[in-house]
């Protein structure tokens, strides 16, 4: 599975999460983890990169954006291509950097497992690591 971190997530997380994932999951569970800005042009519009990921297949998006802009075009593309999306609950954005990163590390194994066992999902990731993923 390939994971893309949207621009609302620090791009440095992608490389560190990938490094920490090596040898920790079954083969092909984490093939790549990239930041949006490292895969696409900085000014790429959401429908453009979502479509490309959909056409490539095997991508999961991690974001704090609920994809509610552009009159629903983003959500239509996500559904059309069966992309899986994990949206960090808004409370994540108000947290200090290191708290946010350490909390994401706690969530990462669950995100990876869920991504590799359930297809085509859009879920909200709560702040508390003991919380439950909520379908959106």
C-alpha atoms as a PDB file:
ATOM      1  CA  UNK A   1       0.000   0.000   0.000  1.00  0.00           C
ATOM      2  CA  UNK A   2       1.157   3.553  -0.727  1.00  0.00           C
ATOM      3  CA  UNK A   3       0.416   6.422   1.630  1.00  0.00           C
ATOM      4  CA  UNK A   4       0.291  10.103   0.722  1.00  0.00           C
ATOM      5  CA  UNK A   5       0.409  12.824   3.388  1.00  0.00           C
ATOM      6  CA  UNK A   6      -1.576  15.890   2.360  1.00  0.00           C
ATOM      7  CA  UNK A   7      -0.058  19.375   2.667  1.00  0.00           C
ATOM      8  CA  UNK A   8      -1.657  19.919   6.071  1.00  0.00           C
ATOM      9  CA  UNK A   9       0.691  17.298   7.529  1.00  0.00           C
ATOM     10  CA  UNK A  10       4.389  18.129   7.918  1.00  0.00           C
ATOM     11  CA  UNK A  11       6.248  16.619   4.945  1.00  0.00           C
ATOM     12  CA  UNK A  12       9.079  15.403   7.190  1.00  0.00           C
ATOM     13  CA  UNK A  13       6.679  12.913   8.725  1.00  0.00           C
ATOM     14  CA  UNK A  14       6.480  10.891   5.501  1.00  0.00           C
ATOM     15  CA  UNK A  15      10.164   9.938   5.405  1.00  0.00           C
ATOM     16  CA  UNK A  16      10.372   9.245   9.133  1.00  0.00           C
ATOM     17  CA  UNK A  17       7.197   7.139   9.146  1.00  0.00           C
ATOM     18  CA  UNK A  18       8.473   5.140   6.169  1.00  0.00           C
ATOM     19  CA  UNK A  19      11.823   4.537   7.883  1.00  0.00           C
ATOM     20  CA  UNK A  20      10.111   3.433  11.096  1.00  0.00           C
ATOM     21  CA  UNK A  21       7.822   1.097   9.134  1.00  0.00           C
ATOM     22  CA  UNK A  22      10.560  -0.899   7.419  1.00  0.00           C
ATOM     23  CA  UNK A  23      10.363  -4.521   8.557  1.00  0.00           C
ATOM     24  CA  UNK A  24       7.569  -3.791  11.057  1.00  0.00           C
ATOM     25  CA  UNK A  25       4.600  -4.788   8.878  1.00  0.00           C
ATOM     26  CA  UNK A  26       3.845  -7.680   6.536  1.00  0.00           C
ATOM     27  CA  UNK A  27       5.361  -7.347   3.073  1.00  0.00           C
ATOM     28  CA  UNK A  28       3.651  -4.742   0.853  1.00  0.00           C
ATOM     29  CA  UNK A  29       1.639  -3.257   3.752  1.00  0.00           C
ATOM     30  CA  UNK A  30       3.751  -0.085   3.524  1.00  0.00           C
ATOM     31  CA  UNK A  31       5.399   0.227   0.112  1.00  0.00           C
ATOM     32  CA  UNK A  32       5.807   3.997   0.141  1.00  0.00           C
ATOM     33  CA  UNK A  33       4.972   7.017   2.266  1.00  0.00           C
ATOM     34  CA  UNK A  34       5.284  10.360   0.510  1.00  0.00           C
ATOM     35  CA  UNK A  35       4.375  13.962   1.116  1.00  0.00           C
ATOM     36  CA  UNK A  36       2.026  15.535  -1.413  1.00  0.00           C
ATOM     37  CA  UNK A  37       4.536  18.279  -2.193  1.00  0.00           C
ATOM     38  CA  UNK A  38       7.183  15.677  -3.055  1.00  0.00           C
ATOM     39  CA  UNK A  39       4.966  13.823  -5.533  1.00  0.00           C
ATOM     40  CA  UNK A  40       3.086  16.711  -7.171  1.00  0.00           C
ATOM     41  CA  UNK A  41       3.670  20.335  -8.094  1.00  0.00           C
ATOM     42  CA  UNK A  42       3.194  22.741  -5.167  1.00  0.00           C
ATOM     43  CA  UNK A  43       0.204  24.375  -6.860  1.00  0.00           C
ATOM     44  CA  UNK A  44      -1.530  21.104  -7.848  1.00  0.00           C
ATOM     45  CA  UNK A  45      -5.270  21.291  -7.262  1.00  0.00           C
ATOM     46  CA  UNK A  46      -6.906  18.576  -5.175  1.00  0.00           C
ATOM     47  CA  UNK A  47      -8.976  17.106  -8.060  1.00  0.00           C
ATOM     48  CA  UNK A  48      -5.810  16.840 -10.181  1.00  0.00           C
ATOM     49  CA  UNK A  49      -3.724  14.854  -7.716  1.00  0.00           C
ATOM     50  CA  UNK A  50      -6.664  12.816  -6.427  1.00  0.00           C
ATOM     51  CA  UNK A  51      -7.405  11.715 -10.000  1.00  0.00           C
ATOM     52  CA  UNK A  52      -3.795  10.736 -10.617  1.00  0.00           C
ATOM     53  CA  UNK A  53      -3.644   8.715  -7.389  1.00  0.00           C
ATOM     54  CA  UNK A  54      -6.913   7.040  -8.330  1.00  0.00           C
ATOM     55  CA  UNK A  55      -5.584   6.112 -11.748  1.00  0.00           C
ATOM     56  CA  UNK A  56      -2.376   4.718 -10.244  1.00  0.00           C
ATOM     57  CA  UNK A  57      -4.319   2.737  -7.642  1.00  0.00           C
ATOM     58  CA  UNK A  58      -3.205   1.371  -4.282  1.00  0.00           C
ATOM     59  CA  UNK A  59      -3.072   4.771  -2.528  1.00  0.00           C
ATOM     60  CA  UNK A  60      -4.277   5.858   0.902  1.00  0.00           C
ATOM     61  CA  UNK A  61      -4.497   9.567   1.745  1.00  0.00           C
ATOM     62  CA  UNK A  62      -3.776  10.956   5.201  1.00  0.00           C
ATOM     63  CA  UNK A  63      -5.143  14.468   5.623  1.00  0.00           C
ATOM     64  CA  UNK A  64      -6.679  17.009   7.978  1.00  0.00           C
ATOM     65  CA  UNK A  65      -8.816  18.253   5.077  1.00  0.00           C
ATOM     66  CA  UNK A  66     -12.320  16.784   4.867  1.00  0.00           C
ATOM     67  CA  UNK A  67     -12.372  17.411   1.075  1.00  0.00           C
ATOM     68  CA  UNK A  68     -15.474  19.574   1.120  1.00  0.00           C
ATOM     69  CA  UNK A  69     -14.346  22.208  -1.338  1.00  0.00           C
ATOM     70  CA  UNK A  70     -15.150  22.614  -5.027  1.00  0.00           C
ATOM     71  CA  UNK A  71     -18.832  21.634  -4.806  1.00  0.00           C
ATOM     72  CA  UNK A  72     -18.092  18.042  -3.872  1.00  0.00           C
ATOM     73  CA  UNK A  73     -15.739  17.336  -6.810  1.00  0.00           C
ATOM     74  CA  UNK A  74     -13.034  15.991  -4.497  1.00  0.00           C
ATOM     75  CA  UNK A  75     -15.367  13.568  -2.763  1.00  0.00           C
ATOM     76  CA  UNK A  76     -16.751  12.388  -6.103  1.00  0.00           C
ATOM     77  CA  UNK A  77     -13.227  11.583  -7.294  1.00  0.00           C
ATOM     78  CA  UNK A  78     -12.439   9.773  -4.036  1.00  0.00           C
ATOM     79  CA  UNK A  79     -15.579   7.632  -4.448  1.00  0.00           C
ATOM     80  CA  UNK A  80     -15.069   7.143  -8.201  1.00  0.00           C
ATOM     81  CA  UNK A  81     -11.598   5.684  -7.745  1.00  0.00           C
ATOM     82  CA  UNK A  82     -12.230   3.982  -4.418  1.00  0.00           C
ATOM     83  CA  UNK A  83      -9.461   5.865  -2.654  1.00  0.00           C
ATOM     84  CA  UNK A  84      -9.168   5.392   1.094  1.00  0.00           C
ATOM     85  CA  UNK A  85      -8.857   8.526   3.200  1.00  0.00           C
ATOM     86  CA  UNK A  86      -7.957   9.003   6.845  1.00  0.00           C
ATOM     87  CA  UNK A  87      -8.926  12.492   7.988  1.00  0.00           C
ATOM     88  CA  UNK A  88      -7.413  13.760  11.222  1.00  0.00           C
ATOM     89  CA  UNK A  89     -10.088  15.232  13.459  1.00  0.00           C
ATOM     90  CA  UNK A  90      -9.917  19.073  13.659  1.00  0.00           C
ATOM     91  CA  UNK A  91      -8.584  18.900  17.238  1.00  0.00           C
ATOM     92  CA  UNK A  92      -5.263  17.599  15.821  1.00  0.00           C
ATOM     93  CA  UNK A  93      -4.522  20.985  14.296  1.00  0.00           C
ATOM     94  CA  UNK A  94      -4.455  22.810  17.631  1.00  0.00           C
ATOM     95  CA  UNK A  95      -1.891  20.490  19.188  1.00  0.00           C
ATOM     96  CA  UNK A  96       1.828  21.283  19.518  1.00  0.00           C
ATOM     97  CA  UNK A  97       4.032  19.709  16.847  1.00  0.00           C
ATOM     98  CA  UNK A  98       5.680  16.996  18.985  1.00  0.00           C
ATOM     99  CA  UNK A  99       2.423  16.003  20.674  1.00  0.00           C
ATOM    100  CA  UNK A 100       0.796  15.700  17.269  1.00  0.00           C
ATOM    101  CA  UNK A 101       3.652  13.607  15.867  1.00  0.00           C
ATOM    102  CA  UNK A 102       3.835  11.252  18.842  1.00  0.00           C
ATOM    103  CA  UNK A 103       0.064  10.769  18.741  1.00  0.00           C
ATOM    104  CA  UNK A 104       0.199   9.989  15.024  1.00  0.00           C
ATOM    105  CA  UNK A 105       2.890   7.374  15.685  1.00  0.00           C
ATOM    106  CA  UNK A 106       0.462   5.701  18.095  1.00  0.00           C
ATOM    107  CA  UNK A 107      -2.217   5.651  15.380  1.00  0.00           C
ATOM    108  CA  UNK A 108       0.064   4.524  12.540  1.00  0.00           C
ATOM    109  CA  UNK A 109      -0.169   0.717  13.075  1.00  0.00           C
ATOM    110  CA  UNK A 110      -3.975   0.912  13.149  1.00  0.00           C
ATOM    111  CA  UNK A 111      -4.047   3.066  10.023  1.00  0.00           C
ATOM    112  CA  UNK A 112      -1.768   0.623   8.190  1.00  0.00           C
ATOM    113  CA  UNK A 113      -3.729  -2.440   9.298  1.00  0.00           C
ATOM    114  CA  UNK A 114      -7.066  -0.865   8.415  1.00  0.00           C
ATOM    115  CA  UNK A 115      -5.769   0.279   5.023  1.00  0.00           C
ATOM    116  CA  UNK A 116      -4.671  -3.224   4.158  1.00  0.00           C
ATOM    117  CA  UNK A 117      -7.800  -5.032   5.328  1.00  0.00           C
ATOM    118  CA  UNK A 118     -10.669  -2.703   4.347  1.00  0.00           C
ATOM    119  CA  UNK A 119     -10.969  -1.137   0.893  1.00  0.00           C
ATOM    120  CA  UNK A 120     -12.487   2.178  -0.131  1.00  0.00           C
ATOM    121  CA  UNK A 121     -13.017   3.873   3.202  1.00  0.00           C
ATOM    122  CA  UNK A 122     -13.157   7.412   4.477  1.00  0.00           C
ATOM    123  CA  UNK A 123     -12.701   7.675   8.218  1.00  0.00           C
ATOM    124  CA  UNK A 124     -12.155  10.343  10.833  1.00  0.00           C
ATOM    125  CA  UNK A 125      -9.156   9.762  13.110  1.00  0.00           C
ATOM    126  CA  UNK A 126      -9.859  11.073  16.615  1.00  0.00           C
ATOM    127  CA  UNK A 127      -7.147  12.652  18.730  1.00  0.00           C
ATOM    128  CA  UNK A 128      -7.148  10.005  21.455  1.00  0.00           C
ATOM    129  CA  UNK A 129      -5.349   6.842  20.362  1.00  0.00           C
ATOM    130  CA  UNK A 130      -7.845   4.823  22.382  1.00  0.00           C
ATOM    131  CA  UNK A 131     -10.670   6.276  20.279  1.00  0.00           C
ATOM    132  CA  UNK A 132     -12.439   4.578  17.408  1.00  0.00           C
ATOM    133  CA  UNK A 133     -12.175   5.397  13.744  1.00  0.00           C
ATOM    134  CA  UNK A 134     -15.442   6.921  12.572  1.00  0.00           C
ATOM    135  CA  UNK A 135     -16.721   6.507   9.040  1.00  0.00           C
ATOM    136  CA  UNK A 136     -17.413   9.792   7.275  1.00  0.00           C
END
